[in-house]
Amino acid sequence: MKTEFNAEKKKLESIRKKYANKKNVLLCDSLTSIEYWFLLHYENTNRFFKDSAATEKALRKYIPDYEKKEKFLQEIKWVSDLCADGKLESAKTRAEAFGHTGNSYSEIYRAFDFFREKQ
């Protein structure tokens, strides 16, 4: 299992190197998956998730109906819930604090910072 995780990390490092000097590219990756970013809105964790399915399972404690399907993702409520009650700022703070020090990480907060600066 850890081998798959390490393979994904190597792919991401390759992409980072490829785009490191591109001014019009902002990399905001999340490992093991985007669901880890969503989970940070609810939990202060950077534990190891073997794959996106494991991360989705943890996320379903907070968003029971979560599915990586278009029908669900188009719904506004789950996104509104992520942003309510300071959860977005909590997720950002947690992601920044963890950085790449653990088994899971997310840099998606960088996109929010970028767009805030552009306003």
PDB file of N, CA and C in Angstrom:
ATOM      1  N   MET A   1       0.817  -1.190   0.000  1.00  0.00           N
ATOM      2  CA  MET A   1       0.000   0.000   0.000  1.00  0.00           C
ATOM      3  C   MET A   1       0.867   1.263   0.000  1.00  0.00           C
ATOM      4  N   LYS A   2       1.870   1.273   0.833  1.00  0.00           N
ATOM      5  CA  LYS A   2       2.753   2.438   0.918  1.00  0.00           C
ATOM      6  C   LYS A   2       3.466   2.646  -0.419  1.00  0.00           C
ATOM      7  N   THR A   3       3.665   1.573  -1.189  1.00  0.00           N
ATOM      8  CA  THR A   3       4.314   1.669  -2.488  1.00  0.00           C
ATOM      9  C   THR A   3       3.486   2.524  -3.446  1.00  0.00           C
ATOM     10  N   GLU A   4       2.169   2.318  -3.472  1.00  0.00           N
ATOM     11  CA  GLU A   4       1.292   3.130  -4.319  1.00  0.00           C
ATOM     12  C   GLU A   4       1.376   4.596  -3.912  1.00  0.00           C
ATOM     13  N   PHE A   5       1.380   4.836  -2.611  1.00  0.00           N
ATOM     14  CA  PHE A   5       1.478   6.193  -2.076  1.00  0.00           C
ATOM     15  C   PHE A   5       2.793   6.834  -2.522  1.00  0.00           C
ATOM     16  N   ASN A   6       3.885   6.116  -2.395  1.00  0.00           N
ATOM     17  CA  ASN A   6       5.192   6.641  -2.801  1.00  0.00           C
ATOM     18  C   ASN A   6       5.258   6.888  -4.301  1.00  0.00           C
ATOM     19  N   ALA A   7       4.610   6.049  -5.075  1.00  0.00           N
ATOM     20  CA  ALA A   7       4.571   6.249  -6.532  1.00  0.00           C
ATOM     21  C   ALA A   7       3.852   7.548  -6.867  1.00  0.00           C
ATOM     22  N   GLU A   8       2.742   7.813  -6.167  1.00  0.00           N
ATOM     23  CA  GLU A   8       2.000   9.056  -6.390  1.00  0.00           C
ATOM     24  C   GLU A   8       2.849  10.265  -5.995  1.00  0.00           C
ATOM     25  N   LYS A   9       3.561  10.142  -4.887  1.00  0.00           N
ATOM     26  CA  LYS A   9       4.436  11.237  -4.452  1.00  0.00           C
ATOM     27  C   LYS A   9       5.509  11.528  -5.498  1.00  0.00           C
ATOM     28  N   LYS A  10       6.071  10.495  -6.087  1.00  0.00           N
ATOM     29  CA  LYS A  10       7.099  10.675  -7.123  1.00  0.00           C
ATOM     30  C   LYS A  10       6.519  11.374  -8.355  1.00  0.00           C
ATOM     31  N   LYS A  11       5.310  10.987  -8.748  1.00  0.00           N
ATOM     32  CA  LYS A  11       4.659  11.648  -9.890  1.00  0.00           C
ATOM     33  C   LYS A  11       4.473  13.140  -9.610  1.00  0.00           C
ATOM     34  N   LEU A  12       4.024  13.451  -8.405  1.00  0.00           N
ATOM     35  CA  LEU A  12       3.804  14.851  -8.038  1.00  0.00           C
ATOM     36  C   LEU A  12       5.114  15.642  -8.023  1.00  0.00           C
ATOM     37  N   GLU A  13       6.170  15.036  -7.534  1.00  0.00           N
ATOM     38  CA  GLU A  13       7.469  15.713  -7.523  1.00  0.00           C
ATOM     39  C   GLU A  13       7.934  16.007  -8.952  1.00  0.00           C
ATOM     40  N   SER A  14       7.682  15.078  -9.841  1.00  0.00           N
ATOM     41  CA  SER A  14       8.031  15.277 -11.241  1.00  0.00           C
ATOM     42  C   SER A  14       7.253  16.453 -11.835  1.00  0.00           C
ATOM     43  N   ILE A  15       5.973  16.513 -11.520  1.00  0.00           N
ATOM     44  CA  ILE A  15       5.136  17.616 -12.010  1.00  0.00           C
ATOM     45  C   ILE A  15       5.613  18.939 -11.419  1.00  0.00           C
ATOM     46  N   ARG A  16       5.936  18.938 -10.119  1.00  0.00           N
ATOM     47  CA  ARG A  16       6.441  20.166  -9.477  1.00  0.00           C
ATOM     48  C   ARG A  16       7.697  20.678 -10.177  1.00  0.00           C
ATOM     49  N   LYS A  17       8.621  19.781 -10.457  1.00  0.00           N
ATOM     50  CA  LYS A  17       9.859  20.181 -11.135  1.00  0.00           C
ATOM     51  C   LYS A  17       9.565  20.738 -12.522  1.00  0.00           C
ATOM     52  N   LYS A  18       8.668  20.076 -13.231  1.00  0.00           N
ATOM     53  CA  LYS A  18       8.343  20.484 -14.593  1.00  0.00           C
ATOM     54  C   LYS A  18       7.774  21.900 -14.635  1.00  0.00           C
ATOM     55  N   TYR A  19       6.943  22.242 -13.651  1.00  0.00           N
ATOM     56  CA  TYR A  19       6.254  23.535 -13.669  1.00  0.00           C
ATOM     57  C   TYR A  19       6.811  24.548 -12.664  1.00  0.00           C
ATOM     58  N   ALA A  20       7.912  24.244 -12.029  1.00  0.00           N
ATOM     59  CA  ALA A  20       8.454  25.096 -10.971  1.00  0.00           C
ATOM     60  C   ALA A  20       8.671  26.539 -11.402  1.00  0.00           C
ATOM     61  N   ASN A  21       9.108  26.760 -12.602  1.00  0.00           N
ATOM     62  CA  ASN A  21       9.425  28.118 -13.054  1.00  0.00           C
ATOM     63  C   ASN A  21       8.370  28.722 -13.975  1.00  0.00           C
ATOM     64  N   LYS A  22       7.207  28.119 -14.023  1.00  0.00           N
ATOM     65  CA  LYS A  22       6.121  28.627 -14.860  1.00  0.00           C
ATOM     66  C   LYS A  22       5.291  29.608 -14.032  1.00  0.00           C
ATOM     67  N   LYS A  23       5.326  30.871 -14.391  1.00  0.00           N
ATOM     68  CA  LYS A  23       4.635  31.899 -13.612  1.00  0.00           C
ATOM     69  C   LYS A  23       3.120  31.805 -13.702  1.00  0.00           C
ATOM     70  N   ASN A  24       2.621  31.208 -14.758  1.00  0.00           N
ATOM     71  CA  ASN A  24       1.166  31.124 -14.924  1.00  0.00           C
ATOM     72  C   ASN A  24       0.584  29.791 -14.437  1.00  0.00           C
ATOM     73  N   VAL A  25       1.360  29.022 -13.657  1.00  0.00           N
ATOM     74  CA  VAL A  25       0.892  27.742 -13.126  1.00  0.00           C
ATOM     75  C   VAL A  25       0.983  27.780 -11.603  1.00  0.00           C
ATOM     76  N   LEU A  26      -0.104  27.448 -10.957  1.00  0.00           N
ATOM     77  CA  LEU A  26      -0.151  27.362  -9.507  1.00  0.00           C
ATOM     78  C   LEU A  26      -0.533  25.931  -9.152  1.00  0.00           C
ATOM     79  N   LEU A  27       0.407  25.180  -8.616  1.00  0.00           N
ATOM     80  CA  LEU A  27       0.131  23.801  -8.235  1.00  0.00           C
ATOM     81  C   LEU A  27      -0.440  23.780  -6.821  1.00  0.00           C
ATOM     82  N   CYS A  28      -1.559  23.138  -6.676  1.00  0.00           N
ATOM     83  CA  CYS A  28      -2.259  23.043  -5.388  1.00  0.00           C
ATOM     84  C   CYS A  28      -2.693  21.600  -5.183  1.00  0.00           C
ATOM     85  N   ASP A  29      -1.750  20.730  -5.018  1.00  0.00           N
ATOM     86  CA  ASP A  29      -2.062  19.313  -4.911  1.00  0.00           C
ATOM     87  C   ASP A  29      -2.485  18.938  -3.496  1.00  0.00           C
ATOM     88  N   SER A  30      -3.077  17.771  -3.406  1.00  0.00           N
ATOM     89  CA  SER A  30      -3.566  17.244  -2.144  1.00  0.00           C
ATOM     90  C   SER A  30      -3.364  15.734  -2.184  1.00  0.00           C
ATOM     91  N   LEU A  31      -2.607  15.232  -1.226  1.00  0.00           N
ATOM     92  CA  LEU A  31      -2.294  13.809  -1.228  1.00  0.00           C
ATOM     93  C   LEU A  31      -2.850  13.176   0.032  1.00  0.00           C
ATOM     94  N   THR A  32      -3.670  12.268   0.004  1.00  0.00           N
ATOM     95  CA  THR A  32      -3.866  11.295  -1.043  1.00  0.00           C
ATOM     96  C   THR A  32      -4.884  11.719  -2.094  1.00  0.00           C
ATOM     97  N   SER A  33      -5.731  12.666  -1.757  1.00  0.00           N
ATOM     98  CA  SER A  33      -6.757  13.077  -2.700  1.00  0.00           C
ATOM     99  C   SER A  33      -7.369  14.397  -2.250  1.00  0.00           C
ATOM    100  N   ILE A  34      -8.227  14.947  -3.072  1.00  0.00           N
ATOM    101  CA  ILE A  34      -8.910  16.192  -2.713  1.00  0.00           C
ATOM    102  C   ILE A  34      -9.776  16.004  -1.473  1.00  0.00           C
ATOM    103  N   GLU A  35     -10.223  14.792  -1.239  1.00  0.00           N
ATOM    104  CA  GLU A  35     -11.027  14.531  -0.053  1.00  0.00           C
ATOM    105  C   GLU A  35     -10.254  14.822   1.228  1.00  0.00           C
ATOM    106  N   TYR A  36      -8.930  14.704   1.176  1.00  0.00           N
ATOM    107  CA  TYR A  36      -8.140  15.069   2.360  1.00  0.00           C
ATOM    108  C   TYR A  36      -8.325  16.556   2.667  1.00  0.00           C
ATOM    109  N   TRP A  37      -8.335  17.416   1.651  1.00  0.00           N
ATOM    110  CA  TRP A  37      -8.583  18.841   1.854  1.00  0.00           C
ATOM    111  C   TRP A  37      -9.957  19.046   2.502  1.00  0.00           C
ATOM    112  N   PHE A  38     -10.952  18.348   2.009  1.00  0.00           N
ATOM    113  CA  PHE A  38     -12.291  18.462   2.587  1.00  0.00           C
ATOM    114  C   PHE A  38     -12.289  17.996   4.046  1.00  0.00           C
ATOM    115  N   LEU A  39     -11.580  16.923   4.333  1.00  0.00           N
ATOM    116  CA  LEU A  39     -11.505  16.375   5.688  1.00  0.00           C
ATOM    117  C   LEU A  39     -10.877  17.376   6.659  1.00  0.00           C
ATOM    118  N   LEU A  40      -9.913  18.149   6.186  1.00  0.00           N
ATOM    119  CA  LEU A  40      -9.268  19.143   7.050  1.00  0.00           C
ATOM    120  C   LEU A  40     -10.250  20.202   7.557  1.00  0.00           C
ATOM    121  N   HIS A  41     -11.379  20.343   6.911  1.00  0.00           N
ATOM    122  CA  HIS A  41     -12.397  21.274   7.381  1.00  0.00           C
ATOM    123  C   HIS A  41     -13.038  20.778   8.675  1.00  0.00           C
ATOM    124  N   TYR A  42     -12.892  19.494   8.939  1.00  0.00           N
ATOM    125  CA  TYR A  42     -13.529  18.877  10.098  1.00  0.00           C
ATOM    126  C   TYR A  42     -12.544  18.285  11.110  1.00  0.00           C
ATOM    127  N   GLU A  43     -11.376  17.865  10.645  1.00  0.00           N
ATOM    128  CA  GLU A  43     -10.414  17.169  11.508  1.00  0.00           C
ATOM    129  C   GLU A  43      -9.029  17.792  11.406  1.00  0.00           C
ATOM    130  N   ASN A  44      -8.338  17.768  12.515  1.00  0.00           N
ATOM    131  CA  ASN A  44      -6.948  18.203  12.559  1.00  0.00           C
ATOM    132  C   ASN A  44      -6.079  16.949  12.451  1.00  0.00           C
ATOM    133  N   THR A  45      -5.821  16.517  11.231  1.00  0.00           N
ATOM    134  CA  THR A  45      -5.110  15.254  11.020  1.00  0.00           C
ATOM    135  C   THR A  45      -4.225  15.308   9.780  1.00  0.00           C
ATOM    136  N   ASN A  46      -3.122  14.600   9.852  1.00  0.00           N
ATOM    137  CA  ASN A  46      -2.331  14.353   8.648  1.00  0.00           C
ATOM    138  C   ASN A  46      -1.859  12.898   8.647  1.00  0.00           C
ATOM    139  N   ARG A  47      -2.729  12.049   9.173  1.00  0.00           N
ATOM    140  CA  ARG A  47      -2.404  10.629   9.232  1.00  0.00           C
ATOM    141  C   ARG A  47      -2.338  10.025   7.827  1.00  0.00           C
ATOM    142  N   PHE A  48      -1.799   8.843   7.751  1.00  0.00           N
ATOM    143  CA  PHE A  48      -1.659   8.136   6.487  1.00  0.00           C
ATOM    144  C   PHE A  48      -2.998   7.565   6.041  1.00  0.00           C
ATOM    145  N   PHE A  49      -3.378   7.873   4.802  1.00  0.00           N
ATOM    146  CA  PHE A  49      -4.530   7.257   4.154  1.00  0.00           C
ATOM    147  C   PHE A  49      -3.968   6.468   2.978  1.00  0.00           C
ATOM    148  N   LYS A  50      -4.266   5.184   2.914  1.00  0.00           N
ATOM    149  CA  LYS A  50      -3.645   4.337   1.887  1.00  0.00           C
ATOM    150  C   LYS A  50      -4.067   4.721   0.477  1.00  0.00           C
ATOM    151  N   ASP A  51      -5.262   5.313   0.333  1.00  0.00           N
ATOM    152  CA  ASP A  51      -5.747   5.716  -0.984  1.00  0.00           C
ATOM    153  C   ASP A  51      -6.927   6.667  -0.809  1.00  0.00           C
ATOM    154  N   SER A  52      -7.458   7.130  -1.921  1.00  0.00           N
ATOM    155  CA  SER A  52      -8.563   8.086  -1.842  1.00  0.00           C
ATOM    156  C   SER A  52      -9.808   7.446  -1.224  1.00  0.00           C
ATOM    157  N   ALA A  53      -9.999   6.155  -1.417  1.00  0.00           N
ATOM    158  CA  ALA A  53     -11.167   5.485  -0.821  1.00  0.00           C
ATOM    159  C   ALA A  53     -11.111   5.553   0.708  1.00  0.00           C
ATOM    160  N   ALA A  54      -9.930   5.389   1.281  1.00  0.00           N
ATOM    161  CA  ALA A  54      -9.780   5.485   2.735  1.00  0.00           C
ATOM    162  C   ALA A  54     -10.051   6.910   3.214  1.00  0.00           C
ATOM    163  N   THR A  55      -9.620   7.884   2.431  1.00  0.00           N
ATOM    164  CA  THR A  55      -9.871   9.281   2.786  1.00  0.00           C
ATOM    165  C   THR A  55     -11.359   9.585   2.685  1.00  0.00           C
ATOM    166  N   GLU A  56     -12.004   9.099   1.634  1.00  0.00           N
ATOM    167  CA  GLU A  56     -13.446   9.292   1.472  1.00  0.00           C
ATOM    168  C   GLU A  56     -14.212   8.675   2.639  1.00  0.00           C
ATOM    169  N   LYS A  57     -13.775   7.519   3.090  1.00  0.00           N
ATOM    170  CA  LYS A  57     -14.433   6.852   4.220  1.00  0.00           C
ATOM    171  C   LYS A  57     -14.359   7.733   5.472  1.00  0.00           C
ATOM    172  N   ALA A  58     -13.197   8.316   5.740  1.00  0.00           N
ATOM    173  CA  ALA A  58     -13.044   9.212   6.888  1.00  0.00           C
ATOM    174  C   ALA A  58     -13.921  10.452   6.730  1.00  0.00           C
ATOM    175  N   LEU A  59     -14.008  10.964   5.519  1.00  0.00           N
ATOM    176  CA  LEU A  59     -14.813  12.153   5.243  1.00  0.00           C
ATOM    177  C   LEU A  59     -16.301  11.892   5.456  1.00  0.00           C
ATOM    178  N   ARG A  60     -16.737  10.680   5.192  1.00  0.00           N
ATOM    179  CA  ARG A  60     -18.162  10.352   5.325  1.00  0.00           C
ATOM    180  C   ARG A  60     -18.651  10.402   6.775  1.00  0.00           C
ATOM    181  N   LYS A  61     -17.746  10.469   7.734  1.00  0.00           N
ATOM    182  CA  LYS A  61     -18.161  10.692   9.125  1.00  0.00           C
ATOM    183  C   LYS A  61     -18.822  12.062   9.254  1.00  0.00           C
ATOM    184  N   TYR A  62     -18.405  12.980   8.399  1.00  0.00           N
ATOM    185  CA  TYR A  62     -18.881  14.361   8.453  1.00  0.00           C
ATOM    186  C   TYR A  62     -19.854  14.692   7.325  1.00  0.00           C
ATOM    187  N   ILE A  63     -19.660  14.063   6.190  1.00  0.00           N
ATOM    188  CA  ILE A  63     -20.539  14.255   5.035  1.00  0.00           C
ATOM    189  C   ILE A  63     -20.996  12.858   4.602  1.00  0.00           C
ATOM    190  N   PRO A  64     -21.994  12.314   5.287  1.00  0.00           N
ATOM    191  CA  PRO A  64     -22.389  10.909   5.067  1.00  0.00           C
ATOM    192  C   PRO A  64     -22.733  10.547   3.622  1.00  0.00           C
ATOM    193  N   ASP A  65     -23.278  11.490   2.877  1.00  0.00           N
ATOM    194  CA  ASP A  65     -23.711  11.200   1.503  1.00  0.00           C
ATOM    195  C   ASP A  65     -22.623  11.472   0.464  1.00  0.00           C
ATOM    196  N   TYR A  66     -21.415  11.813   0.907  1.00  0.00           N
ATOM    197  CA  TYR A  66     -20.360  12.209  -0.030  1.00  0.00           C
ATOM    198  C   TYR A  66     -20.099  11.120  -1.061  1.00  0.00           C
ATOM    199  N   GLU A  67     -20.071  11.544  -2.302  1.00  0.00           N
ATOM    200  CA  GLU A  67     -19.701  10.674  -3.421  1.00  0.00           C
ATOM    201  C   GLU A  67     -18.928  11.495  -4.435  1.00  0.00           C
ATOM    202  N   LYS A  68     -17.952  10.883  -5.025  1.00  0.00           N
ATOM    203  CA  LYS A  68     -17.195  11.550  -6.079  1.00  0.00           C
ATOM    204  C   LYS A  68     -17.925  11.300  -7.403  1.00  0.00           C
ATOM    205  N   LYS A  69     -19.129  11.829  -7.439  1.00  0.00           N
ATOM    206  CA  LYS A  69     -19.975  11.701  -8.624  1.00  0.00           C
ATOM    207  C   LYS A  69     -20.547  13.074  -8.935  1.00  0.00           C
ATOM    208  N   GLU A  70     -20.745  13.319 -10.211  1.00  0.00           N
ATOM    209  CA  GLU A  70     -21.207  14.632 -10.659  1.00  0.00           C
ATOM    210  C   GLU A  70     -22.478  15.076  -9.949  1.00  0.00           C
ATOM    211  N   LYS A  71     -23.417  14.181  -9.787  1.00  0.00           N
ATOM    212  CA  LYS A  71     -24.694  14.550  -9.167  1.00  0.00           C
ATOM    213  C   LYS A  71     -24.464  15.128  -7.769  1.00  0.00           C
ATOM    214  N   PHE A  72     -23.641  14.476  -6.969  1.00  0.00           N
ATOM    215  CA  PHE A  72     -23.376  14.971  -5.623  1.00  0.00           C
ATOM    216  C   PHE A  72     -22.532  16.244  -5.654  1.00  0.00           C
ATOM    217  N   LEU A  73     -21.490  16.247  -6.454  1.00  0.00           N
ATOM    218  CA  LEU A  73     -20.559  17.375  -6.474  1.00  0.00           C
ATOM    219  C   LEU A  73     -21.204  18.674  -6.936  1.00  0.00           C
ATOM    220  N   GLN A  74     -22.291  18.584  -7.698  1.00  0.00           N
ATOM    221  CA  GLN A  74     -22.991  19.777  -8.155  1.00  0.00           C
ATOM    222  C   GLN A  74     -23.864  20.406  -7.069  1.00  0.00           C
ATOM    223  N   GLU A  75     -24.115  19.681  -5.999  1.00  0.00           N
ATOM    224  CA  GLU A  75     -24.949  20.206  -4.919  1.00  0.00           C
ATOM    225  C   GLU A  75     -24.214  21.326  -4.185  1.00  0.00           C
ATOM    226  N   ILE A  76     -24.946  22.339  -3.792  1.00  0.00           N
ATOM    227  CA  ILE A  76     -24.341  23.499  -3.127  1.00  0.00           C
ATOM    228  C   ILE A  76     -24.193  23.286  -1.624  1.00  0.00           C
ATOM    229  N   LYS A  77     -25.085  22.531  -1.024  1.00  0.00           N
ATOM    230  CA  LYS A  77     -25.114  22.423   0.433  1.00  0.00           C
ATOM    231  C   LYS A  77     -23.809  21.927   1.029  1.00  0.00           C
ATOM    232  N   TRP A  78     -23.227  20.882   0.487  1.00  0.00           N
ATOM    233  CA  TRP A  78     -22.013  20.342   1.096  1.00  0.00           C
ATOM    234  C   TRP A  78     -20.866  21.349   1.021  1.00  0.00           C
ATOM    235  N   VAL A  79     -20.829  22.143  -0.038  1.00  0.00           N
ATOM    236  CA  VAL A  79     -19.790  23.173  -0.166  1.00  0.00           C
ATOM    237  C   VAL A  79     -20.061  24.302   0.828  1.00  0.00           C
ATOM    238  N   SER A  80     -21.313  24.697   0.949  1.00  0.00           N
ATOM    239  CA  SER A  80     -21.682  25.718   1.934  1.00  0.00           C
ATOM    240  C   SER A  80     -21.319  25.271   3.342  1.00  0.00           C
ATOM    241  N   ASP A  81     -21.551  23.998   3.633  1.00  0.00           N
ATOM    242  CA  ASP A  81     -21.199  23.460   4.944  1.00  0.00           C
ATOM    243  C   ASP A  81     -19.689  23.515   5.186  1.00  0.00           C
ATOM    244  N   LEU A  82     -18.899  23.257   4.142  1.00  0.00           N
ATOM    245  CA  LEU A  82     -17.438  23.329   4.282  1.00  0.00           C
ATOM    246  C   LEU A  82     -16.974  24.738   4.638  1.00  0.00           C
ATOM    247  N   CYS A  83     -17.701  25.719   4.152  1.00  0.00           N
ATOM    248  CA  CYS A  83     -17.296  27.114   4.352  1.00  0.00           C
ATOM    249  C   CYS A  83     -17.912  27.741   5.602  1.00  0.00           C
ATOM    250  N   ALA A  84     -18.882  27.070   6.221  1.00  0.00           N
ATOM    251  CA  ALA A  84     -19.592  27.629   7.364  1.00  0.00           C
ATOM    252  C   ALA A  84     -18.771  27.531   8.649  1.00  0.00           C
ATOM    253  N   ASP A  85     -19.081  28.412   9.565  1.00  0.00           N
ATOM    254  CA  ASP A  85     -18.546  28.345  10.929  1.00  0.00           C
ATOM    255  C   ASP A  85     -17.015  28.336  10.995  1.00  0.00           C
ATOM    256  N   GLY A  86     -16.365  29.018  10.065  1.00  0.00           N
ATOM    257  CA  GLY A  86     -14.909  29.119  10.093  1.00  0.00           C
ATOM    258  C   GLY A  86     -14.166  27.874   9.662  1.00  0.00           C
ATOM    259  N   LYS A  87     -14.890  26.902   9.094  1.00  0.00           N
ATOM    260  CA  LYS A  87     -14.241  25.644   8.698  1.00  0.00           C
ATOM    261  C   LYS A  87     -13.191  25.845   7.607  1.00  0.00           C
ATOM    262  N   LEU A  88     -13.455  26.745   6.679  1.00  0.00           N
ATOM    263  CA  LEU A  88     -12.487  26.989   5.606  1.00  0.00           C
ATOM    264  C   LEU A  88     -11.178  27.520   6.186  1.00  0.00           C
ATOM    265  N   GLU A  89     -11.270  28.463   7.075  1.00  0.00           N
ATOM    266  CA  GLU A  89     -10.055  29.010   7.699  1.00  0.00           C
ATOM    267  C   GLU A  89      -9.345  27.964   8.547  1.00  0.00           C
ATOM    268  N   SER A  90     -10.114  27.117   9.227  1.00  0.00           N
ATOM    269  CA  SER A  90      -9.507  26.033  10.007  1.00  0.00           C
ATOM    270  C   SER A  90      -8.741  25.080   9.104  1.00  0.00           C
ATOM    271  N   ALA A  91      -9.351  24.725   7.979  1.00  0.00           N
ATOM    272  CA  ALA A  91      -8.689  23.823   7.031  1.00  0.00           C
ATOM    273  C   ALA A  91      -7.406  24.450   6.508  1.00  0.00           C
ATOM    274  N   LYS A  92      -7.460  25.710   6.186  1.00  0.00           N
ATOM    275  CA  LYS A  92      -6.286  26.429   5.678  1.00  0.00           C
ATOM    276  C   LYS A  92      -5.180  26.448   6.728  1.00  0.00           C
ATOM    277  N   THR A  93      -5.533  26.781   7.957  1.00  0.00           N
ATOM    278  CA  THR A  93      -4.556  26.823   9.051  1.00  0.00           C
ATOM    279  C   THR A  93      -3.927  25.454   9.272  1.00  0.00           C
ATOM    280  N   ARG A  94      -4.744  24.421   9.267  1.00  0.00           N
ATOM    281  CA  ARG A  94      -4.238  23.056   9.464  1.00  0.00           C
ATOM    282  C   ARG A  94      -3.306  22.643   8.329  1.00  0.00           C
ATOM    283  N   ALA A  95      -3.730  22.903   7.102  1.00  0.00           N
ATOM    284  CA  ALA A  95      -2.914  22.525   5.944  1.00  0.00           C
ATOM    285  C   ALA A  95      -1.569  23.247   5.970  1.00  0.00           C
ATOM    286  N   GLU A  96      -1.581  24.529   6.291  1.00  0.00           N
ATOM    287  CA  GLU A  96      -0.331  25.297   6.369  1.00  0.00           C
ATOM    288  C   GLU A  96       0.565  24.756   7.472  1.00  0.00           C
ATOM    289  N   ALA A  97      -0.021  24.456   8.623  1.00  0.00           N
ATOM    290  CA  ALA A  97       0.759  23.972   9.762  1.00  0.00           C
ATOM    291  C   ALA A  97       1.411  22.624   9.468  1.00  0.00           C
ATOM    292  N   PHE A  98       0.679  21.734   8.813  1.00  0.00           N
ATOM    293  CA  PHE A  98       1.230  20.417   8.499  1.00  0.00           C
ATOM    294  C   PHE A  98       2.267  20.487   7.387  1.00  0.00           C
ATOM    295  N   GLY A  99       2.043  21.353   6.412  1.00  0.00           N
ATOM    296  CA  GLY A  99       2.945  21.371   5.263  1.00  0.00           C
ATOM    297  C   GLY A  99       3.073  19.983   4.690  1.00  0.00           C
ATOM    298  N   HIS A 100       4.288  19.584   4.443  1.00  0.00           N
ATOM    299  CA  HIS A 100       4.561  18.243   3.914  1.00  0.00           C
ATOM    300  C   HIS A 100       5.216  17.374   4.985  1.00  0.00           C
ATOM    301  N   THR A 101       4.916  17.658   6.255  1.00  0.00           N
ATOM    302  CA  THR A 101       5.581  16.941   7.344  1.00  0.00           C
ATOM    303  C   THR A 101       4.985  15.579   7.640  1.00  0.00           C
ATOM    304  N   GLY A 102       3.790  15.307   7.173  1.00  0.00           N
ATOM    305  CA  GLY A 102       3.142  14.037   7.484  1.00  0.00           C
ATOM    306  C   GLY A 102       2.925  13.198   6.261  1.00  0.00           C
ATOM    307  N   ASN A 103       2.087  12.211   6.428  1.00  0.00           N
ATOM    308  CA  ASN A 103       1.786  11.298   5.331  1.00  0.00           C
ATOM    309  C   ASN A 103       0.772  11.874   4.359  1.00  0.00           C
ATOM    310  N   SER A 104      -0.051  12.780   4.830  1.00  0.00           N
ATOM    311  CA  SER A 104      -1.046  13.422   3.984  1.00  0.00           C
ATOM    312  C   SER A 104      -0.820  14.922   4.019  1.00  0.00           C
ATOM    313  N   TYR A 105      -1.132  15.584   2.947  1.00  0.00           N
ATOM    314  CA  TYR A 105      -0.997  17.035   2.925  1.00  0.00           C
ATOM    315  C   TYR A 105      -1.930  17.605   1.869  1.00  0.00           C
ATOM    316  N   SER A 106      -2.143  18.920   1.976  1.00  0.00           N
ATOM    317  CA  SER A 106      -2.932  19.610   0.968  1.00  0.00           C
ATOM    318  C   SER A 106      -2.406  21.027   0.813  1.00  0.00           C
ATOM    319  N   GLU A 107      -2.278  21.433  -0.418  1.00  0.00           N
ATOM    320  CA  GLU A 107      -1.880  22.798  -0.727  1.00  0.00           C
ATOM    321  C   GLU A 107      -3.001  23.551  -1.446  1.00  0.00           C
ATOM    322  N   ILE A 108      -4.193  23.032  -1.357  1.00  0.00           N
ATOM    323  CA  ILE A 108      -5.323  23.667  -2.025  1.00  0.00           C
ATOM    324  C   ILE A 108      -5.581  25.065  -1.475  1.00  0.00           C
ATOM    325  N   TYR A 109      -5.244  25.281  -0.206  1.00  0.00           N
ATOM    326  CA  TYR A 109      -5.413  26.608   0.384  1.00  0.00           C
ATOM    327  C   TYR A 109      -4.675  27.684  -0.414  1.00  0.00           C
ATOM    328  N   ARG A 110      -3.622  27.305  -1.109  1.00  0.00           N
ATOM    329  CA  ARG A 110      -2.855  28.268  -1.901  1.00  0.00           C
ATOM    330  C   ARG A 110      -3.711  28.910  -2.996  1.00  0.00           C
ATOM    331  N   ALA A 111      -4.646  28.159  -3.540  1.00  0.00           N
ATOM    332  CA  ALA A 111      -5.545  28.712  -4.562  1.00  0.00           C
ATOM    333  C   ALA A 111      -6.431  29.793  -3.948  1.00  0.00           C
ATOM    334  N   PHE A 112      -6.930  29.546  -2.743  1.00  0.00           N
ATOM    335  CA  PHE A 112      -7.745  30.548  -2.065  1.00  0.00           C
ATOM    336  C   PHE A 112      -6.928  31.808  -1.796  1.00  0.00           C
ATOM    337  N   ASP A 113      -5.686  31.634  -1.339  1.00  0.00           N
ATOM    338  CA  ASP A 113      -4.802  32.784  -1.113  1.00  0.00           C
ATOM    339  C   ASP A 113      -4.569  33.558  -2.403  1.00  0.00           C
ATOM    340  N   PHE A 114      -4.321  32.835  -3.474  1.00  0.00           N
ATOM    341  CA  PHE A 114      -4.061  33.453  -4.769  1.00  0.00           C
ATOM    342  C   PHE A 114      -5.239  34.315  -5.218  1.00  0.00           C
ATOM    343  N   PHE A 115      -6.437  33.742  -5.144  1.00  0.00           N
ATOM    344  CA  PHE A 115      -7.612  34.480  -5.614  1.00  0.00           C
ATOM    345  C   PHE A 115      -7.974  35.639  -4.691  1.00  0.00           C
ATOM    346  N   ARG A 116      -7.705  35.486  -3.397  1.00  0.00           N
ATOM    347  CA  ARG A 116      -7.933  36.608  -2.483  1.00  0.00           C
ATOM    348  C   ARG A 116      -7.016  37.772  -2.808  1.00  0.00           C
ATOM    349  N   GLU A 117      -5.763  37.462  -3.145  1.00  0.00           N
ATOM    350  CA  GLU A 117      -4.799  38.506  -3.501  1.00  0.00           C
ATOM    351  C   GLU A 117      -5.200  39.218  -4.784  1.00  0.00           C
ATOM    352  N   LYS A 118      -5.863  38.523  -5.691  1.00  0.00           N
ATOM    353  CA  LYS A 118      -6.249  39.095  -6.991  1.00  0.00           C
ATOM    354  C   LYS A 118      -7.496  39.977  -6.901  1.00  0.00           C
ATOM    355  N   GLN A 119      -8.210  39.916  -5.786  1.00  0.00           N
ATOM    356  CA  GLN A 119      -9.442  40.721  -5.649  1.00  0.00           C
ATOM    357  C   GLN A 119      -9.131  42.188  -5.486  1.00  0.00           C
TER     358      GLN A 119
END
